[in-house]
PDB file of N, CA and C in Angstrom:
ATOM      1  N   MET A   1     -16.452  11.325   7.981  1.00  0.00           N
ATOM      2  CA  MET A   1     -15.664  11.720   7.625  1.00  0.00           C
ATOM      3  C   MET A   1     -16.256  10.735   6.108  1.00  0.00           C
ATOM      4  N   SER A   2     -16.554  12.010   4.965  1.00  0.00           N
ATOM      5  CA  SER A   2     -17.210  11.011   3.993  1.00  0.00           C
ATOM      6  C   SER A   2     -15.422  10.496   3.024  1.00  0.00           C
ATOM      7  N   ILE A   3     -15.632   9.231   2.182  1.00  0.00           N
ATOM      8  CA  ILE A   3     -14.149   8.611   1.766  1.00  0.00           C
ATOM      9  C   ILE A   3     -14.739   9.631  -0.041  1.00  0.00           C
ATOM     10  N   LYS A   4     -13.501  10.354  -0.120  1.00  0.00           N
ATOM     11  CA  LYS A   4     -13.785  10.789  -1.728  1.00  0.00           C
ATOM     12  C   LYS A   4     -13.092   9.473  -2.480  1.00  0.00           C
ATOM     13  N   VAL A   5     -13.730   9.632  -3.395  1.00  0.00           N
ATOM     14  CA  VAL A   5     -12.902   8.007  -4.664  1.00  0.00           C
ATOM     15  C   VAL A   5     -12.660   8.868  -5.779  1.00  0.00           C
ATOM     16  N   ILE A   6     -11.508   8.508  -6.357  1.00  0.00           N
ATOM     17  CA  ILE A   6     -10.886   9.530  -7.125  1.00  0.00           C
ATOM     18  C   ILE A   6     -10.611   8.458  -8.345  1.00  0.00           C
ATOM     19  N   LYS A   7     -11.102   8.562  -9.352  1.00  0.00           N
ATOM     20  CA  LYS A   7     -11.460   7.856 -10.442  1.00  0.00           C
ATOM     21  C   LYS A   7     -10.177   8.217 -11.608  1.00  0.00           C
ATOM     22  N   ASN A   8      -9.499   7.514 -11.478  1.00  0.00           N
ATOM     23  CA  ASN A   8      -8.020   7.273 -12.399  1.00  0.00           C
ATOM     24  C   ASN A   8      -7.536   6.882 -13.719  1.00  0.00           C
ATOM     25  N   GLN A   9      -6.625   6.477 -14.483  1.00  0.00           N
ATOM     26  CA  GLN A   9      -6.254   5.398 -15.340  1.00  0.00           C
ATOM     27  C   GLN A   9      -5.109   4.487 -15.251  1.00  0.00           C
ATOM     28  N   VAL A  10      -5.145   4.417 -14.004  1.00  0.00           N
ATOM     29  CA  VAL A  10      -4.571   2.976 -13.321  1.00  0.00           C
ATOM     30  C   VAL A  10      -5.350   1.756 -12.795  1.00  0.00           C
ATOM     31  N   ILE A  11      -5.854   2.555 -11.959  1.00  0.00           N
ATOM     32  CA  ILE A  11      -7.466   1.539 -11.534  1.00  0.00           C
ATOM     33  C   ILE A  11      -8.577   1.624 -11.894  1.00  0.00           C
ATOM     34  N   LYS A  12      -9.387   0.325 -12.271  1.00  0.00           N
ATOM     35  CA  LYS A  12     -10.540   0.621 -12.585  1.00  0.00           C
ATOM     36  C   LYS A  12     -11.723   0.337 -11.788  1.00  0.00           C
ATOM     37  N   LYS A  13     -11.150   0.329 -10.068  1.00  0.00           N
ATOM     38  CA  LYS A  13     -12.314  -0.336  -9.877  1.00  0.00           C
ATOM     39  C   LYS A  13     -12.161  -0.074  -8.040  1.00  0.00           C
ATOM     40  N   PHE A  14     -12.332   0.254  -7.938  1.00  0.00           N
ATOM     41  CA  PHE A  14     -12.348   0.260  -5.465  1.00  0.00           C
ATOM     42  C   PHE A  14     -11.761  -1.310  -5.568  1.00  0.00           C
ATOM     43  N   VAL A  15     -10.512  -0.571  -4.749  1.00  0.00           N
ATOM     44  CA  VAL A  15      -9.563  -2.061  -4.545  1.00  0.00           C
ATOM     45  C   VAL A  15     -10.168  -2.160  -2.491  1.00  0.00           C
ATOM     46  N   ASP A  16     -11.020  -3.417  -2.575  1.00  0.00           N
ATOM     47  CA  ASP A  16     -12.035  -3.685  -1.535  1.00  0.00           C
ATOM     48  C   ASP A  16     -10.883  -4.735  -1.122  1.00  0.00           C
ATOM     49  N   ILE A  17     -10.140  -5.324  -1.422  1.00  0.00           N
ATOM     50  CA  ILE A  17      -9.016  -5.982  -0.514  1.00  0.00           C
ATOM     51  C   ILE A  17      -8.032  -5.756   0.152  1.00  0.00           C
ATOM     52  N   PHE A  18      -8.124  -4.082  -0.046  1.00  0.00           N
ATOM     53  CA  PHE A  18      -6.866  -3.004   0.505  1.00  0.00           C
ATOM     54  C   PHE A  18      -6.515  -2.877   1.733  1.00  0.00           C
ATOM     55  N   ASP A  19      -8.282  -2.974   2.163  1.00  0.00           N
ATOM     56  CA  ASP A  19      -8.163  -2.430   3.626  1.00  0.00           C
ATOM     57  C   ASP A  19      -7.831  -3.580   4.856  1.00  0.00           C
ATOM     58  N   ASP A  20      -8.250  -4.442   4.094  1.00  0.00           N
ATOM     59  CA  ASP A  20      -7.809  -5.763   5.371  1.00  0.00           C
ATOM     60  C   ASP A  20      -6.633  -6.276   5.214  1.00  0.00           C
ATOM     61  N   TYR A  21      -6.043  -6.038   4.241  1.00  0.00           N
ATOM     62  CA  TYR A  21      -4.540  -6.260   3.450  1.00  0.00           C
ATOM     63  C   TYR A  21      -4.021  -5.485   4.704  1.00  0.00           C
ATOM     64  N   ILE A  22      -4.259  -4.541   4.789  1.00  0.00           N
ATOM     65  CA  ILE A  22      -3.512  -3.509   5.299  1.00  0.00           C
ATOM     66  C   ILE A  22      -3.517  -3.358   7.107  1.00  0.00           C
ATOM     67  N   LYS A  23      -4.738  -3.637   7.877  1.00  0.00           N
ATOM     68  CA  LYS A  23      -4.945  -4.429   8.905  1.00  0.00           C
ATOM     69  C   LYS A  23      -4.563  -5.365   9.626  1.00  0.00           C
ATOM     70  N   VAL A  24      -4.174  -6.180   8.905  1.00  0.00           N
ATOM     71  CA  VAL A  24      -3.450  -7.515   8.915  1.00  0.00           C
ATOM     72  C   VAL A  24      -1.909  -7.204   9.320  1.00  0.00           C
ATOM     73  N   ASN A  25      -1.675  -6.760   7.731  1.00  0.00           N
ATOM     74  CA  ASN A  25      -0.026  -7.172   7.333  1.00  0.00           C
ATOM     75  C   ASN A  25       0.757  -5.597   7.825  1.00  0.00           C
ATOM     76  N   LEU A  26       0.126  -4.698   8.197  1.00  0.00           N
ATOM     77  CA  LEU A  26       0.855  -3.445   8.599  1.00  0.00           C
ATOM     78  C   LEU A  26       1.062  -3.140  10.256  1.00  0.00           C
ATOM     79  N   PRO A  27       1.974  -2.695  10.912  1.00  0.00           N
ATOM     80  CA  PRO A  27       2.291  -2.088  12.423  1.00  0.00           C
ATOM     81  C   PRO A  27       1.247  -0.928  12.246  1.00  0.00           C
ATOM     82  N   MET A  28       0.246  -0.939  13.111  1.00  0.00           N
ATOM     83  CA  MET A  28      -0.421   0.606  13.614  1.00  0.00           C
ATOM     84  C   MET A  28      -0.028   0.939  14.892  1.00  0.00           C
ATOM     85  N   GLU A  29       0.200   2.280  14.792  1.00  0.00           N
ATOM     86  CA  GLU A  29       0.420   3.603  15.609  1.00  0.00           C
ATOM     87  C   GLU A  29      -0.560   4.451  15.856  1.00  0.00           C
ATOM     88  N   ASN A  30      -1.653   5.025  17.062  1.00  0.00           N
ATOM     89  CA  ASN A  30      -2.173   5.711  17.197  1.00  0.00           C
ATOM     90  C   ASN A  30      -3.400   5.210  16.598  1.00  0.00           C
ATOM     91  N   ASN A  31      -3.691   5.669  14.939  1.00  0.00           N
ATOM     92  CA  ASN A  31      -4.153   5.403  14.672  1.00  0.00           C
ATOM     93  C   ASN A  31      -4.281   5.466  12.868  1.00  0.00           C
ATOM     94  N   TYR A  32      -2.825   5.317  12.672  1.00  0.00           N
ATOM     95  CA  TYR A  32      -2.274   5.033  11.467  1.00  0.00           C
ATOM     96  C   TYR A  32      -1.542   3.448  10.893  1.00  0.00           C
ATOM     97  N   TYR A  33      -1.593   3.428   9.838  1.00  0.00           N
ATOM     98  CA  TYR A  33      -0.733   2.041   9.809  1.00  0.00           C
ATOM     99  C   TYR A  33       0.485   2.290   8.982  1.00  0.00           C
ATOM    100  N   ILE A  34       1.891   2.014   9.349  1.00  0.00           N
ATOM    101  CA  ILE A  34       3.249   2.286   9.103  1.00  0.00           C
ATOM    102  C   ILE A  34       3.491   1.105   8.389  1.00  0.00           C
ATOM    103  N   LEU A  35       3.969   2.009   6.972  1.00  0.00           N
ATOM    104  CA  LEU A  35       4.604   1.269   5.833  1.00  0.00           C
ATOM    105  C   LEU A  35       5.933   2.024   5.265  1.00  0.00           C
ATOM    106  N   ASN A  36       7.145   0.956   6.001  1.00  0.00           N
ATOM    107  CA  ASN A  36       8.054   1.233   6.436  1.00  0.00           C
ATOM    108  C   ASN A  36       8.913   0.329   5.414  1.00  0.00           C
ATOM    109  N   TYR A  37      10.725   0.883   5.480  1.00  0.00           N
ATOM    110  CA  TYR A  37      11.417  -0.431   4.769  1.00  0.00           C
ATOM    111  C   TYR A  37      10.884  -1.897   5.589  1.00  0.00           C
ATOM    112  N   ILE A  38      11.498  -1.425   7.482  1.00  0.00           N
ATOM    113  CA  ILE A  38      11.316  -2.897   7.754  1.00  0.00           C
ATOM    114  C   ILE A  38       9.887  -3.811   7.914  1.00  0.00           C
ATOM    115  N   SER A  39       8.452  -2.832   7.642  1.00  0.00           N
ATOM    116  CA  SER A  39       7.436  -3.403   7.608  1.00  0.00           C
ATOM    117  C   SER A  39       7.651  -4.333   6.020  1.00  0.00           C
ATOM    118  N   TYR A  40       8.018  -4.142   5.226  1.00  0.00           N
ATOM    119  CA  TYR A  40       8.468  -4.097   3.845  1.00  0.00           C
ATOM    120  C   TYR A  40       8.881  -5.292   4.120  1.00  0.00           C
ATOM    121  N   LYS A  41      10.176  -5.597   4.616  1.00  0.00           N
ATOM    122  CA  LYS A  41      10.987  -6.894   4.620  1.00  0.00           C
ATOM    123  C   LYS A  41      10.237  -7.559   5.473  1.00  0.00           C
ATOM    124  N   LYS A  42       9.576  -7.442   6.623  1.00  0.00           N
ATOM    125  CA  LYS A  42       8.304  -8.534   7.654  1.00  0.00           C
ATOM    126  C   LYS A  42       8.135  -9.108   6.168  1.00  0.00           C
ATOM    127  N   LEU A  43       6.740  -8.121   5.092  1.00  0.00           N
ATOM    128  CA  LEU A  43       6.223  -9.185   4.389  1.00  0.00           C
ATOM    129  C   LEU A  43       6.815  -9.721   2.890  1.00  0.00           C
ATOM    130  N   VAL A  44       7.841  -9.260   2.932  1.00  0.00           N
ATOM    131  CA  VAL A  44       8.474 -10.391   1.805  1.00  0.00           C
ATOM    132  C   VAL A  44       9.191 -11.514   2.462  1.00  0.00           C
ATOM    133  N   TYR A  45       9.635 -10.883   3.679  1.00  0.00           N
ATOM    134  CA  TYR A  45      10.099 -12.665   4.214  1.00  0.00           C
ATOM    135  C   TYR A  45       8.573 -13.691   4.957  1.00  0.00           C
ATOM    136  N   LYS A  46       7.459 -13.298   4.860  1.00  0.00           N
ATOM    137  CA  LYS A  46       6.048 -13.572   5.273  1.00  0.00           C
ATOM    138  C   LYS A  46       5.764 -14.100   3.891  1.00  0.00           C
ATOM    139  N   GLU A  47       6.138 -14.040   2.575  1.00  0.00           N
ATOM    140  CA  GLU A  47       5.418 -13.825   1.229  1.00  0.00           C
ATOM    141  C   GLU A  47       4.268 -13.353   1.190  1.00  0.00           C
ATOM    142  N   LYS A  48       4.127 -12.396   1.687  1.00  0.00           N
ATOM    143  CA  LYS A  48       2.770 -12.263   1.395  1.00  0.00           C
ATOM    144  C   LYS A  48       2.494 -10.446   0.518  1.00  0.00           C
ATOM    145  N   ILE A  49       3.406 -11.010  -0.186  1.00  0.00           N
ATOM    146  CA  ILE A  49       3.571  -9.130  -0.763  1.00  0.00           C
ATOM    147  C   ILE A  49       3.181 -10.333  -2.399  1.00  0.00           C
ATOM    148  N   ASP A  50       3.546 -11.160  -3.252  1.00  0.00           N
ATOM    149  CA  ASP A  50       3.510 -11.621  -4.594  1.00  0.00           C
ATOM    150  C   ASP A  50       2.007 -12.257  -4.653  1.00  0.00           C
ATOM    151  N   CYS A  51       1.389 -13.187  -4.009  1.00  0.00           N
ATOM    152  CA  CYS A  51       0.203 -13.218  -3.556  1.00  0.00           C
ATOM    153  C   CYS A  51      -1.223 -12.025  -3.549  1.00  0.00           C
ATOM    154  N   PHE A  52      -0.478 -10.537  -2.891  1.00  0.00           N
ATOM    155  CA  PHE A  52      -1.411 -10.011  -2.831  1.00  0.00           C
ATOM    156  C   PHE A  52      -1.364  -8.736  -4.274  1.00  0.00           C
ATOM    157  N   LEU A  53      -0.327  -8.935  -4.621  1.00  0.00           N
ATOM    158  CA  LEU A  53       0.321  -8.353  -6.222  1.00  0.00           C
ATOM    159  C   LEU A  53      -0.915  -9.243  -7.075  1.00  0.00           C
ATOM    160  N   GLU A  54      -1.156 -10.663  -7.002  1.00  0.00           N
ATOM    161  CA  GLU A  54      -1.339 -11.317  -7.982  1.00  0.00           C
ATOM    162  C   GLU A  54      -2.801 -11.428  -7.833  1.00  0.00           C
ATOM    163  N   GLU A  55      -3.484 -10.899  -6.539  1.00  0.00           N
ATOM    164  CA  GLU A  55      -4.863  -9.908  -6.681  1.00  0.00           C
ATOM    165  C   GLU A  55      -5.189  -9.326  -7.158  1.00  0.00           C
ATOM    166  N   LEU A  56      -4.264  -8.322  -7.100  1.00  0.00           N
ATOM    167  CA  LEU A  56      -4.534  -6.513  -7.575  1.00  0.00           C
ATOM    168  C   LEU A  56      -4.499  -7.096  -9.124  1.00  0.00           C
ATOM    169  N   LYS A  57      -3.920  -8.022  -9.892  1.00  0.00           N
ATOM    170  CA  LYS A  57      -4.260  -7.302 -11.517  1.00  0.00           C
ATOM    171  C   LYS A  57      -5.891  -7.141 -11.707  1.00  0.00           C
ATOM    172  N   LYS A  58      -6.763  -7.896 -11.401  1.00  0.00           N
ATOM    173  CA  LYS A  58      -7.994  -7.111 -11.820  1.00  0.00           C
ATOM    174  C   LYS A  58      -8.656  -6.123 -10.749  1.00  0.00           C
ATOM    175  N   TYR A  59      -7.786  -5.664 -10.858  1.00  0.00           N
ATOM    176  CA  TYR A  59      -8.108  -4.033 -10.863  1.00  0.00           C
ATOM    177  C   TYR A  59      -7.692  -2.816 -11.204  1.00  0.00           C
ATOM    178  N   TYR A  60      -6.606  -3.833 -11.608  1.00  0.00           N
ATOM    179  CA  TYR A  60      -5.596  -2.555 -12.636  1.00  0.00           C
ATOM    180  C   TYR A  60      -5.980  -3.261 -14.281  1.00  0.00           C
ATOM    181  N   PHE A  61      -5.595  -1.179 -15.025  1.00  0.00           N
ATOM    182  CA  PHE A  61      -6.136  -1.455 -16.494  1.00  0.00           C
ATOM    183  C   PHE A  61      -5.596  -3.070 -16.770  1.00  0.00           C
ATOM    184  N   PHE A  62      -5.349  -3.303 -18.164  1.00  0.00           N
ATOM    185  CA  PHE A  62      -4.910  -4.747 -18.809  1.00  0.00           C
ATOM    186  C   PHE A  62      -3.239  -3.759 -18.969  1.00  0.00           C
ATOM    187  N   ASN A  63      -2.936  -2.377 -19.713  1.00  0.00           N
ATOM    188  CA  ASN A  63      -2.460  -1.744 -20.035  1.00  0.00           C
ATOM    189  C   ASN A  63      -1.220  -1.291 -18.895  1.00  0.00           C
ATOM    190  N   LYS A  64      -1.999  -1.013 -17.712  1.00  0.00           N
ATOM    191  CA  LYS A  64      -1.220  -0.899 -16.373  1.00  0.00           C
ATOM    192  C   LYS A  64      -0.635  -2.384 -15.522  1.00  0.00           C
ATOM    193  N   GLN A  65      -0.960  -2.934 -15.572  1.00  0.00           N
ATOM    194  CA  GLN A  65      -0.792  -4.185 -14.842  1.00  0.00           C
ATOM    195  C   GLN A  65       0.890  -4.512 -14.544  1.00  0.00           C
ATOM    196  N   TYR A  66       1.096  -4.133 -15.276  1.00  0.00           N
ATOM    197  CA  TYR A  66       2.961  -3.952 -14.705  1.00  0.00           C
ATOM    198  C   TYR A  66       3.503  -3.449 -13.691  1.00  0.00           C
ATOM    199  N   TYR A  67       3.087  -2.757 -12.993  1.00  0.00           N
ATOM    200  CA  TYR A  67       3.075  -2.071 -11.994  1.00  0.00           C
ATOM    201  C   TYR A  67       2.679  -3.330 -11.054  1.00  0.00           C
ATOM    202  N   VAL A  68       2.226  -3.916 -11.426  1.00  0.00           N
ATOM    203  CA  VAL A  68       2.008  -5.331 -10.395  1.00  0.00           C
ATOM    204  C   VAL A  68       2.579  -6.664 -10.730  1.00  0.00           C
ATOM    205  N   THR A  69       3.035  -6.696 -11.998  1.00  0.00           N
ATOM    206  CA  THR A  69       3.582  -7.788 -13.076  1.00  0.00           C
ATOM    207  C   THR A  69       5.334  -7.973 -12.013  1.00  0.00           C
ATOM    208  N   ARG A  70       5.658  -6.238 -12.552  1.00  0.00           N
ATOM    209  CA  ARG A  70       7.084  -7.115 -12.567  1.00  0.00           C
ATOM    210  C   ARG A  70       7.860  -7.625 -11.305  1.00  0.00           C
ATOM    211  N   ARG A  71       9.170  -8.038 -12.239  1.00  0.00           N
ATOM    212  CA  ARG A  71      10.024  -8.582 -10.711  1.00  0.00           C
ATOM    213  C   ARG A  71      11.003  -8.200 -11.040  1.00  0.00           C
ATOM    214  N   PRO A  72      11.795  -7.992  -9.763  1.00  0.00           N
ATOM    215  CA  PRO A  72      11.591  -8.450  -8.914  1.00  0.00           C
ATOM    216  C   PRO A  72      11.171  -6.902  -8.309  1.00  0.00           C
ATOM    217  N   ASN A  73      10.865  -7.364  -7.107  1.00  0.00           N
ATOM    218  CA  ASN A  73       9.698  -6.253  -6.499  1.00  0.00           C
ATOM    219  C   ASN A  73      10.630  -5.664  -5.528  1.00  0.00           C
ATOM    220  N   THR A  74      10.440  -3.924  -5.777  1.00  0.00           N
ATOM    221  CA  THR A  74      11.148  -3.627  -4.587  1.00  0.00           C
ATOM    222  C   THR A  74      10.445  -2.961  -3.477  1.00  0.00           C
ATOM    223  N   TYR A  75      11.176  -1.787  -2.858  1.00  0.00           N
ATOM    224  CA  TYR A  75      10.427  -1.347  -1.827  1.00  0.00           C
ATOM    225  C   TYR A  75       9.655  -0.282  -2.528  1.00  0.00           C
ATOM    226  N   LYS A  76      10.092   0.729  -3.614  1.00  0.00           N
ATOM    227  CA  LYS A  76       9.903   1.394  -4.452  1.00  0.00           C
ATOM    228  C   LYS A  76       8.830   0.822  -4.681  1.00  0.00           C
ATOM    229  N   SER A  77       9.140   0.362  -5.988  1.00  0.00           N
ATOM    230  CA  SER A  77       7.666  -0.669  -6.557  1.00  0.00           C
ATOM    231  C   SER A  77       6.785  -1.028  -6.128  1.00  0.00           C
ATOM    232  N   PHE A  78       6.904  -1.568  -4.467  1.00  0.00           N
ATOM    233  CA  PHE A  78       5.397  -1.754  -4.027  1.00  0.00           C
ATOM    234  C   PHE A  78       4.643  -0.331  -3.379  1.00  0.00           C
ATOM    235  N   THR A  79       5.892   0.183  -2.679  1.00  0.00           N
ATOM    236  CA  THR A  79       4.967   1.485  -2.069  1.00  0.00           C
ATOM    237  C   THR A  79       4.205   2.474  -3.593  1.00  0.00           C
ATOM    238  N   THR A  80       4.809   2.549  -4.534  1.00  0.00           N
ATOM    239  CA  THR A  80       4.188   2.985  -5.410  1.00  0.00           C
ATOM    240  C   THR A  80       2.635   2.445  -5.669  1.00  0.00           C
ATOM    241  N   VAL A  81       2.649   0.742  -6.265  1.00  0.00           N
ATOM    242  CA  VAL A  81       1.138   0.575  -6.139  1.00  0.00           C
ATOM    243  C   VAL A  81       0.334   0.641  -4.701  1.00  0.00           C
ATOM    244  N   VAL A  82       0.526   1.081  -3.877  1.00  0.00           N
ATOM    245  CA  VAL A  82       0.225   1.097  -2.450  1.00  0.00           C
ATOM    246  C   VAL A  82      -0.452   2.764  -2.712  1.00  0.00           C
ATOM    247  N   ARG A  83       0.642   3.458  -3.054  1.00  0.00           N
ATOM    248  CA  ARG A  83       0.199   4.891  -2.881  1.00  0.00           C
ATOM    249  C   ARG A  83      -1.080   5.069  -4.213  1.00  0.00           C
ATOM    250  N   GLN A  84      -1.072   4.896  -5.636  1.00  0.00           N
ATOM    251  CA  GLN A  84      -2.138   3.871  -6.476  1.00  0.00           C
ATOM    252  C   GLN A  84      -3.388   4.077  -5.676  1.00  0.00           C
ATOM    253  N   ILE A  85      -2.968   2.712  -4.947  1.00  0.00           N
ATOM    254  CA  ILE A  85      -4.337   2.298  -4.268  1.00  0.00           C
ATOM    255  C   ILE A  85      -4.920   3.140  -3.472  1.00  0.00           C
ATOM    256  N   CYS A  86      -4.185   3.926  -2.803  1.00  0.00           N
ATOM    257  CA  CYS A  86      -4.676   4.833  -1.326  1.00  0.00           C
ATOM    258  C   CYS A  86      -5.047   5.717  -2.642  1.00  0.00           C
ATOM    259  N   ARG A  87      -4.622   6.216  -3.182  1.00  0.00           N
ATOM    260  CA  ARG A  87      -5.379   7.970  -4.444  1.00  0.00           C
ATOM    261  C   ARG A  87      -6.950   6.727  -4.865  1.00  0.00           C
ATOM    262  N   ARG A  88      -6.952   5.826  -5.400  1.00  0.00           N
ATOM    263  CA  ARG A  88      -8.011   5.541  -5.739  1.00  0.00           C
ATOM    264  C   ARG A  88      -9.441   4.590  -4.890  1.00  0.00           C
ATOM    265  N   ASN A  89      -8.794   4.159  -3.745  1.00  0.00           N
ATOM    266  CA  ASN A  89      -9.718   4.319  -2.765  1.00  0.00           C
ATOM    267  C   ASN A  89     -10.508   5.338  -2.146  1.00  0.00           C
ATOM    268  N   GLY A  90      -9.130   6.970  -1.784  1.00  0.00           N
ATOM    269  CA  GLY A  90      -9.917   7.934  -1.326  1.00  0.00           C
ATOM    270  C   GLY A  90      -8.529   7.899   0.187  1.00  0.00           C
ATOM    271  N   LEU A  91      -7.993   7.032   0.367  1.00  0.00           N
ATOM    272  CA  LEU A  91      -7.897   6.956   1.977  1.00  0.00           C
ATOM    273  C   LEU A  91      -6.169   7.903   1.979  1.00  0.00           C
ATOM    274  N   VAL A  92      -6.733   8.715   3.003  1.00  0.00           N
ATOM    275  CA  VAL A  92      -5.585   9.623   3.619  1.00  0.00           C
ATOM    276  C   VAL A  92      -3.658   9.280   3.682  1.00  0.00           C
ATOM    277  N   PHE A  93      -3.150   9.507   3.060  1.00  0.00           N
ATOM    278  CA  PHE A  93      -1.434   8.993   3.777  1.00  0.00           C
ATOM    279  C   PHE A  93      -0.548   9.810   3.832  1.00  0.00           C
ATOM    280  N   GLU A  94       0.500  10.190   4.663  1.00  0.00           N
ATOM    281  CA  GLU A  94       1.575  11.015   4.828  1.00  0.00           C
ATOM    282  C   GLU A  94       2.320  10.509   4.692  1.00  0.00           C
ATOM    283  N   THR A  95       3.477  11.336   4.057  1.00  0.00           N
ATOM    284  CA  THR A  95       5.456  10.112   3.859  1.00  0.00           C
ATOM    285  C   THR A  95       5.789  11.421   4.645  1.00  0.00           C
ATOM    286  N   SER A  96       6.780  10.752   5.052  1.00  0.00           N
ATOM    287  CA  SER A  96       8.052  11.328   5.911  1.00  0.00           C
ATOM    288  C   SER A  96       9.476  10.645   5.564  1.00  0.00           C
ATOM    289  N   SER A  97      10.706  11.052   5.597  1.00  0.00           N
ATOM    290  CA  SER A  97      11.396  10.503   4.994  1.00  0.00           C
ATOM    291  C   SER A  97      12.711   9.913   6.979  1.00  0.00           C
ATOM    292  N   LYS A  98      12.737   9.016   6.160  1.00  0.00           N
ATOM    293  CA  LYS A  98      13.424   8.581   7.839  1.00  0.00           C
ATOM    294  C   LYS A  98      14.856   7.997   7.171  1.00  0.00           C
ATOM    295  N   TYR A  99      16.131   8.135   8.001  1.00  0.00           N
ATOM    296  CA  TYR A  99      17.610   7.719   8.085  1.00  0.00           C
ATOM    297  C   TYR A  99      18.011   6.873   8.243  1.00  0.00           C
ATOM    298  N   ASP A 100      17.980   6.002   7.837  1.00  0.00           N
ATOM    299  CA  ASP A 100      18.454   5.007   8.154  1.00  0.00           C
ATOM    300  C   ASP A 100      19.895   3.820   7.680  1.00  0.00           C
ATOM    301  N   ASN A 101      20.497   3.258   7.847  1.00  0.00           N
ATOM    302  CA  ASN A 101      22.159   3.268   7.634  1.00  0.00           C
ATOM    303  C   ASN A 101      22.532   3.986   5.856  1.00  0.00           C
ATOM    304  N   GLY A 102      22.927   5.181   6.871  1.00  0.00           N
ATOM    305  CA  GLY A 102      23.686   6.142   5.631  1.00  0.00           C
ATOM    306  C   GLY A 102      22.279   6.575   4.698  1.00  0.00           C
ATOM    307  N   LYS A 103      21.106   6.383   4.633  1.00  0.00           N
ATOM    308  CA  LYS A 103      20.120   6.381   3.320  1.00  0.00           C
ATOM    309  C   LYS A 103      18.954   6.917   4.084  1.00  0.00           C
ATOM    310  N   TYR A 104      18.093   8.230   3.307  1.00  0.00           N
ATOM    311  CA  TYR A 104      16.884   8.420   3.445  1.00  0.00           C
ATOM    312  C   TYR A 104      15.782   7.109   2.708  1.00  0.00           C
ATOM    313  N   CYS A 105      14.700   6.805   3.783  1.00  0.00           N
ATOM    314  CA  CYS A 105      14.363   5.865   3.146  1.00  0.00           C
ATOM    315  C   CYS A 105      12.364   6.889   3.732  1.00  0.00           C
ATOM    316  N   PRO A 106      11.892   6.651   2.459  1.00  0.00           N
ATOM    317  CA  PRO A 106      10.180   7.172   2.787  1.00  0.00           C
ATOM    318  C   PRO A 106       9.714   6.165   3.746  1.00  0.00           C
ATOM    319  N   GLU A 107       8.788   6.984   4.521  1.00  0.00           N
ATOM    320  CA  GLU A 107       7.613   6.163   5.598  1.00  0.00           C
ATOM    321  C   GLU A 107       6.055   6.786   5.444  1.00  0.00           C
ATOM    322  N   TYR A 108       5.716   5.695   5.606  1.00  0.00           N
ATOM    323  CA  TYR A 108       4.351   6.183   5.256  1.00  0.00           C
ATOM    324  C   TYR A 108       3.228   5.843   6.004  1.00  0.00           C
ATOM    325  N   ARG A 109       2.131   6.899   6.713  1.00  0.00           N
ATOM    326  CA  ARG A 109       0.971   5.924   7.570  1.00  0.00           C
ATOM    327  C   ARG A 109       0.017   6.712   6.423  1.00  0.00           C
ATOM    328  N   ILE A 110      -1.036   5.564   6.620  1.00  0.00           N
ATOM    329  CA  ILE A 110      -2.554   5.002   5.962  1.00  0.00           C
ATOM    330  C   ILE A 110      -3.195   5.201   7.359  1.00  0.00           C
ATOM    331  N   TYR A 111      -4.032   6.006   6.771  1.00  0.00           N
ATOM    332  CA  TYR A 111      -4.983   6.518   7.375  1.00  0.00           C
ATOM    333  C   TYR A 111      -5.671   5.842   7.102  1.00  0.00           C
ATOM    334  N   VAL A 112      -6.889   4.765   7.937  1.00  0.00           N
ATOM    335  CA  VAL A 112      -7.685   3.139   7.392  1.00  0.00           C
ATOM    336  C   VAL A 112      -8.738   3.972   8.199  1.00  0.00           C
ATOM    337  N   SER A 113     -10.292   3.937   7.459  1.00  0.00           N
ATOM    338  CA  SER A 113     -11.055   4.355   8.016  1.00  0.00           C
ATOM    339  C   SER A 113     -11.932   3.303   9.035  1.00  0.00           C
ATOM    340  N   ASN A 114     -12.791   3.380  10.050  1.00  0.00           N
ATOM    341  CA  ASN A 114     -13.016   2.473  10.744  1.00  0.00           C
ATOM    342  C   ASN A 114     -11.947   1.673  11.348  1.00  0.00           C
ATOM    343  N   VAL A 115     -10.604   2.419  12.118  1.00  0.00           N
ATOM    344  CA  VAL A 115     -10.016   1.629  12.647  1.00  0.00           C
ATOM    345  C   VAL A 115     -10.453   1.345  13.902  1.00  0.00           C
ATOM    346  N   MET A 116      -9.999  -0.076  14.072  1.00  0.00           N
ATOM    347  CA  MET A 116     -10.834  -0.491  15.646  1.00  0.00           C
ATOM    348  C   MET A 116      -9.081  -0.606  16.292  1.00  0.00           C
ATOM    349  N   GLN A 117      -9.683   0.243  17.552  1.00  0.00           N
ATOM    350  CA  GLN A 117      -8.201  -0.054  18.633  1.00  0.00           C
ATOM    351  C   GLN A 117      -8.135  -0.953  19.276  1.00  0.00           C
ATOM    352  N   THR A 118      -7.381  -2.300  19.525  1.00  0.00           N
ATOM    353  CA  THR A 118      -7.308  -3.018  20.323  1.00  0.00           C
ATOM    354  C   THR A 118      -6.507  -3.202  21.377  1.00  0.00           C
TER     355      THR A 118
END
């Protein structure tokens, strides 16, 4: 499977730190990683989001850095950044809605190439 890298007007170059970040910080099921509200809250608790967003500043065009610098960081804004990176890096992701605590919340399945099953 070849990876198609798409040029866009938000991110200027391939985000090479993204695959490692996903593999270390998100739970894996079958052959994809899951980003949902629960995994987001775990990242917030472990303080893994702010340093990641700070590293991403060098990948974003200057006039689009508000995506990674705006505070407070919410689930919606974090998933926006993740979707942008997936599109830029040519990663496949799927979205589904989960009903939790009286509201619908999107859940993302991110397929990262070279996934090693352990």
